[in-house]
Amino acid sequence: MEQSLFGVGAFFFSGAFWLVIELLAHEFKFTAWIGMCLISMAFGGLCFVVGLVMFGLRQRRLDKYFDE
């Protein structure tokens, strides 16, 4: 589950980041496309953080039962 969230988060964030840079390079004004890119970047970042938290919870649970 956390790997899927990492992947989805990275996909949305990187794609939207690339597109917003491209849009701002041509014309520096706020449009609906730039707003949608910012929303997609926020969604991607949120998915990435949730995946990271889930990974930490799973790792902590595994460390409780298995010593290194």
N, C-alpha and C. Protein backbone atom coordinates (compact mmCIF):
# COMPACT_ATOMS: atom_id res chain seq x y z
N MET A 1 0.83 -1.19 0.00
CA MET A 1 0.00 0.00 0.00
C MET A 1 0.88 1.26 0.00
N GLU A 2 1.89 1.26 0.86
CA GLU A 2 2.72 2.47 0.92
C GLU A 2 3.52 2.67 -0.36
N GLN A 3 3.91 1.58 -1.01
CA GLN A 3 4.63 1.71 -2.28
C GLN A 3 3.73 2.32 -3.34
N SER A 4 2.47 1.95 -3.35
CA SER A 4 1.51 2.53 -4.30
C SER A 4 1.32 4.02 -4.05
N LEU A 5 1.23 4.38 -2.78
CA LEU A 5 1.08 5.80 -2.45
C LEU A 5 2.33 6.60 -2.83
N PHE A 6 3.52 6.01 -2.60
CA PHE A 6 4.75 6.66 -3.04
C PHE A 6 4.72 6.89 -4.55
N GLY A 7 4.34 5.86 -5.29
CA GLY A 7 4.32 5.95 -6.75
C GLY A 7 3.32 6.97 -7.27
N VAL A 8 2.12 6.93 -6.73
CA VAL A 8 1.08 7.89 -7.15
C VAL A 8 1.49 9.30 -6.77
N GLY A 9 2.03 9.46 -5.58
CA GLY A 9 2.46 10.79 -5.14
C GLY A 9 3.58 11.35 -6.00
N ALA A 10 4.55 10.50 -6.31
CA ALA A 10 5.66 10.95 -7.16
C ALA A 10 5.18 11.27 -8.56
N PHE A 11 4.25 10.47 -9.09
CA PHE A 11 3.71 10.71 -10.42
C PHE A 11 3.00 12.06 -10.50
N PHE A 12 2.07 12.29 -9.59
CA PHE A 12 1.32 13.55 -9.62
C PHE A 12 2.22 14.75 -9.36
N PHE A 13 3.09 14.65 -8.35
CA PHE A 13 3.93 15.80 -8.02
C PHE A 13 4.89 16.14 -9.14
N SER A 14 5.59 15.13 -9.66
CA SER A 14 6.61 15.42 -10.68
C SER A 14 5.98 15.90 -11.98
N GLY A 15 4.87 15.29 -12.37
CA GLY A 15 4.21 15.73 -13.61
C GLY A 15 3.67 17.14 -13.50
N ALA A 16 3.03 17.45 -12.39
CA ALA A 16 2.47 18.79 -12.20
C ALA A 16 3.58 19.82 -12.04
N PHE A 17 4.66 19.45 -11.37
CA PHE A 17 5.77 20.38 -11.20
C PHE A 17 6.39 20.73 -12.54
N TRP A 18 6.60 19.71 -13.38
CA TRP A 18 7.16 19.95 -14.71
C TRP A 18 6.24 20.86 -15.52
N LEU A 19 4.92 20.60 -15.47
CA LEU A 19 3.97 21.39 -16.26
C LEU A 19 3.87 22.82 -15.76
N VAL A 20 3.89 23.04 -14.45
CA VAL A 20 3.79 24.41 -13.94
C VAL A 20 5.04 25.22 -14.30
N ILE A 21 6.20 24.59 -14.29
CA ILE A 21 7.42 25.30 -14.71
C ILE A 21 7.33 25.65 -16.19
N GLU A 22 6.83 24.72 -16.99
CA GLU A 22 6.67 24.96 -18.42
C GLU A 22 5.67 26.10 -18.68
N LEU A 23 4.56 26.10 -17.97
CA LEU A 23 3.55 27.16 -18.15
C LEU A 23 4.08 28.52 -17.70
N LEU A 24 4.80 28.54 -16.59
CA LEU A 24 5.32 29.82 -16.10
C LEU A 24 6.46 30.34 -16.96
N ALA A 25 7.15 29.46 -17.66
CA ALA A 25 8.24 29.90 -18.53
C ALA A 25 7.71 30.66 -19.74
N HIS A 26 6.52 30.30 -20.19
CA HIS A 26 5.95 30.97 -21.37
C HIS A 26 5.23 32.27 -21.01
N GLU A 27 4.45 32.23 -19.95
CA GLU A 27 3.70 33.42 -19.56
C GLU A 27 3.53 33.40 -18.04
N PHE A 28 4.02 34.43 -17.39
CA PHE A 28 4.03 34.46 -15.93
C PHE A 28 2.75 35.12 -15.42
N LYS A 29 1.64 34.35 -15.46
CA LYS A 29 0.39 34.80 -14.84
C LYS A 29 -0.39 33.59 -14.38
N PHE A 30 -1.21 33.78 -13.36
CA PHE A 30 -1.96 32.68 -12.78
C PHE A 30 -3.16 32.35 -13.65
N THR A 31 -3.23 31.11 -14.10
CA THR A 31 -4.37 30.63 -14.89
C THR A 31 -4.97 29.40 -14.22
N ALA A 32 -6.05 28.91 -14.80
CA ALA A 32 -6.68 27.70 -14.25
C ALA A 32 -5.76 26.49 -14.35
N TRP A 33 -4.95 26.43 -15.42
CA TRP A 33 -4.01 25.32 -15.57
C TRP A 33 -2.97 25.33 -14.45
N ILE A 34 -2.48 26.50 -14.11
CA ILE A 34 -1.50 26.59 -13.04
C ILE A 34 -2.15 26.23 -11.70
N GLY A 35 -3.37 26.65 -11.50
CA GLY A 35 -4.10 26.28 -10.29
C GLY A 35 -4.30 24.78 -10.18
N MET A 36 -4.63 24.15 -11.29
CA MET A 36 -4.80 22.70 -11.29
C MET A 36 -3.47 21.99 -11.03
N CYS A 37 -2.39 22.54 -11.56
CA CYS A 37 -1.07 21.96 -11.29
C CYS A 37 -0.73 22.06 -9.80
N LEU A 38 -1.04 23.18 -9.19
CA LEU A 38 -0.77 23.34 -7.76
C LEU A 38 -1.60 22.37 -6.92
N ILE A 39 -2.86 22.16 -7.32
CA ILE A 39 -3.70 21.19 -6.63
C ILE A 39 -3.14 19.78 -6.80
N SER A 40 -2.69 19.45 -8.01
CA SER A 40 -2.11 18.13 -8.25
C SER A 40 -0.82 17.94 -7.48
N MET A 41 -0.02 19.00 -7.37
CA MET A 41 1.21 18.91 -6.58
C MET A 41 0.88 18.69 -5.11
N ALA A 42 -0.14 19.36 -4.60
CA ALA A 42 -0.54 19.18 -3.21
C ALA A 42 -1.05 17.75 -2.98
N PHE A 43 -1.84 17.23 -3.91
CA PHE A 43 -2.33 15.86 -3.80
C PHE A 43 -1.18 14.86 -3.84
N GLY A 44 -0.25 15.07 -4.75
CA GLY A 44 0.90 14.19 -4.84
C GLY A 44 1.75 14.22 -3.59
N GLY A 45 1.98 15.41 -3.06
CA GLY A 45 2.74 15.54 -1.82
C GLY A 45 2.03 14.87 -0.65
N LEU A 46 0.72 15.01 -0.60
CA LEU A 46 -0.05 14.37 0.47
C LEU A 46 0.02 12.85 0.37
N CYS A 47 -0.13 12.31 -0.84
CA CYS A 47 -0.01 10.86 -1.02
C CYS A 47 1.37 10.38 -0.62
N PHE A 48 2.40 11.13 -0.99
CA PHE A 48 3.76 10.75 -0.64
C PHE A 48 3.96 10.74 0.87
N VAL A 49 3.46 11.74 1.55
CA VAL A 49 3.61 11.82 3.01
C VAL A 49 2.83 10.70 3.70
N VAL A 50 1.62 10.41 3.22
CA VAL A 50 0.84 9.31 3.81
C VAL A 50 1.55 7.98 3.61
N GLY A 51 2.13 7.78 2.42
CA GLY A 51 2.90 6.57 2.19
C GLY A 51 4.10 6.48 3.10
N LEU A 52 4.75 7.59 3.33
CA LEU A 52 5.91 7.61 4.22
C LEU A 52 5.51 7.29 5.66
N VAL A 53 4.40 7.84 6.12
CA VAL A 53 3.91 7.56 7.47
C VAL A 53 3.53 6.09 7.60
N MET A 54 2.86 5.55 6.58
CA MET A 54 2.48 4.13 6.62
C MET A 54 3.71 3.24 6.65
N PHE A 55 4.73 3.61 5.90
CA PHE A 55 5.98 2.84 5.91
C PHE A 55 6.62 2.88 7.30
N GLY A 56 6.63 4.04 7.92
CA GLY A 56 7.20 4.16 9.26
C GLY A 56 6.43 3.34 10.28
N LEU A 57 5.11 3.32 10.19
CA LEU A 57 4.31 2.52 11.11
C LEU A 57 4.59 1.03 10.93
N ARG A 58 4.66 0.59 9.69
CA ARG A 58 4.93 -0.82 9.42
C ARG A 58 6.33 -1.20 9.90
N GLN A 59 7.29 -0.33 9.65
CA GLN A 59 8.66 -0.62 10.05
C GLN A 59 8.79 -0.68 11.57
N ARG A 60 8.10 0.21 12.25
CA ARG A 60 8.15 0.21 13.72
C ARG A 60 7.51 -1.06 14.28
N ARG A 61 6.40 -1.49 13.66
CA ARG A 61 5.75 -2.72 14.10
C ARG A 61 6.65 -3.93 13.87
N LEU A 62 7.32 -3.98 12.73
CA LEU A 62 8.23 -5.09 12.46
C LEU A 62 9.44 -5.08 13.39
N ASP A 63 9.95 -3.89 13.69
CA ASP A 63 11.10 -3.79 14.59
C ASP A 63 10.75 -4.23 16.01
N LYS A 64 9.49 -4.10 16.37
CA LYS A 64 9.06 -4.53 17.70
C LYS A 64 9.18 -6.05 17.86
N TYR A 65 8.93 -6.79 16.77
CA TYR A 65 8.93 -8.24 16.86
C TYR A 65 10.26 -8.87 16.43
N PHE A 66 10.99 -8.23 15.56
CA PHE A 66 12.23 -8.79 15.05
C PHE A 66 13.40 -7.88 15.39
N ASP A 67 14.36 -8.39 16.15
CA ASP A 67 15.56 -7.63 16.46
C ASP A 67 16.54 -7.74 15.30
N GLU A 68 17.33 -6.72 15.14
CA GLU A 68 18.34 -6.74 14.06
C GLU A 68 19.58 -7.46 14.51
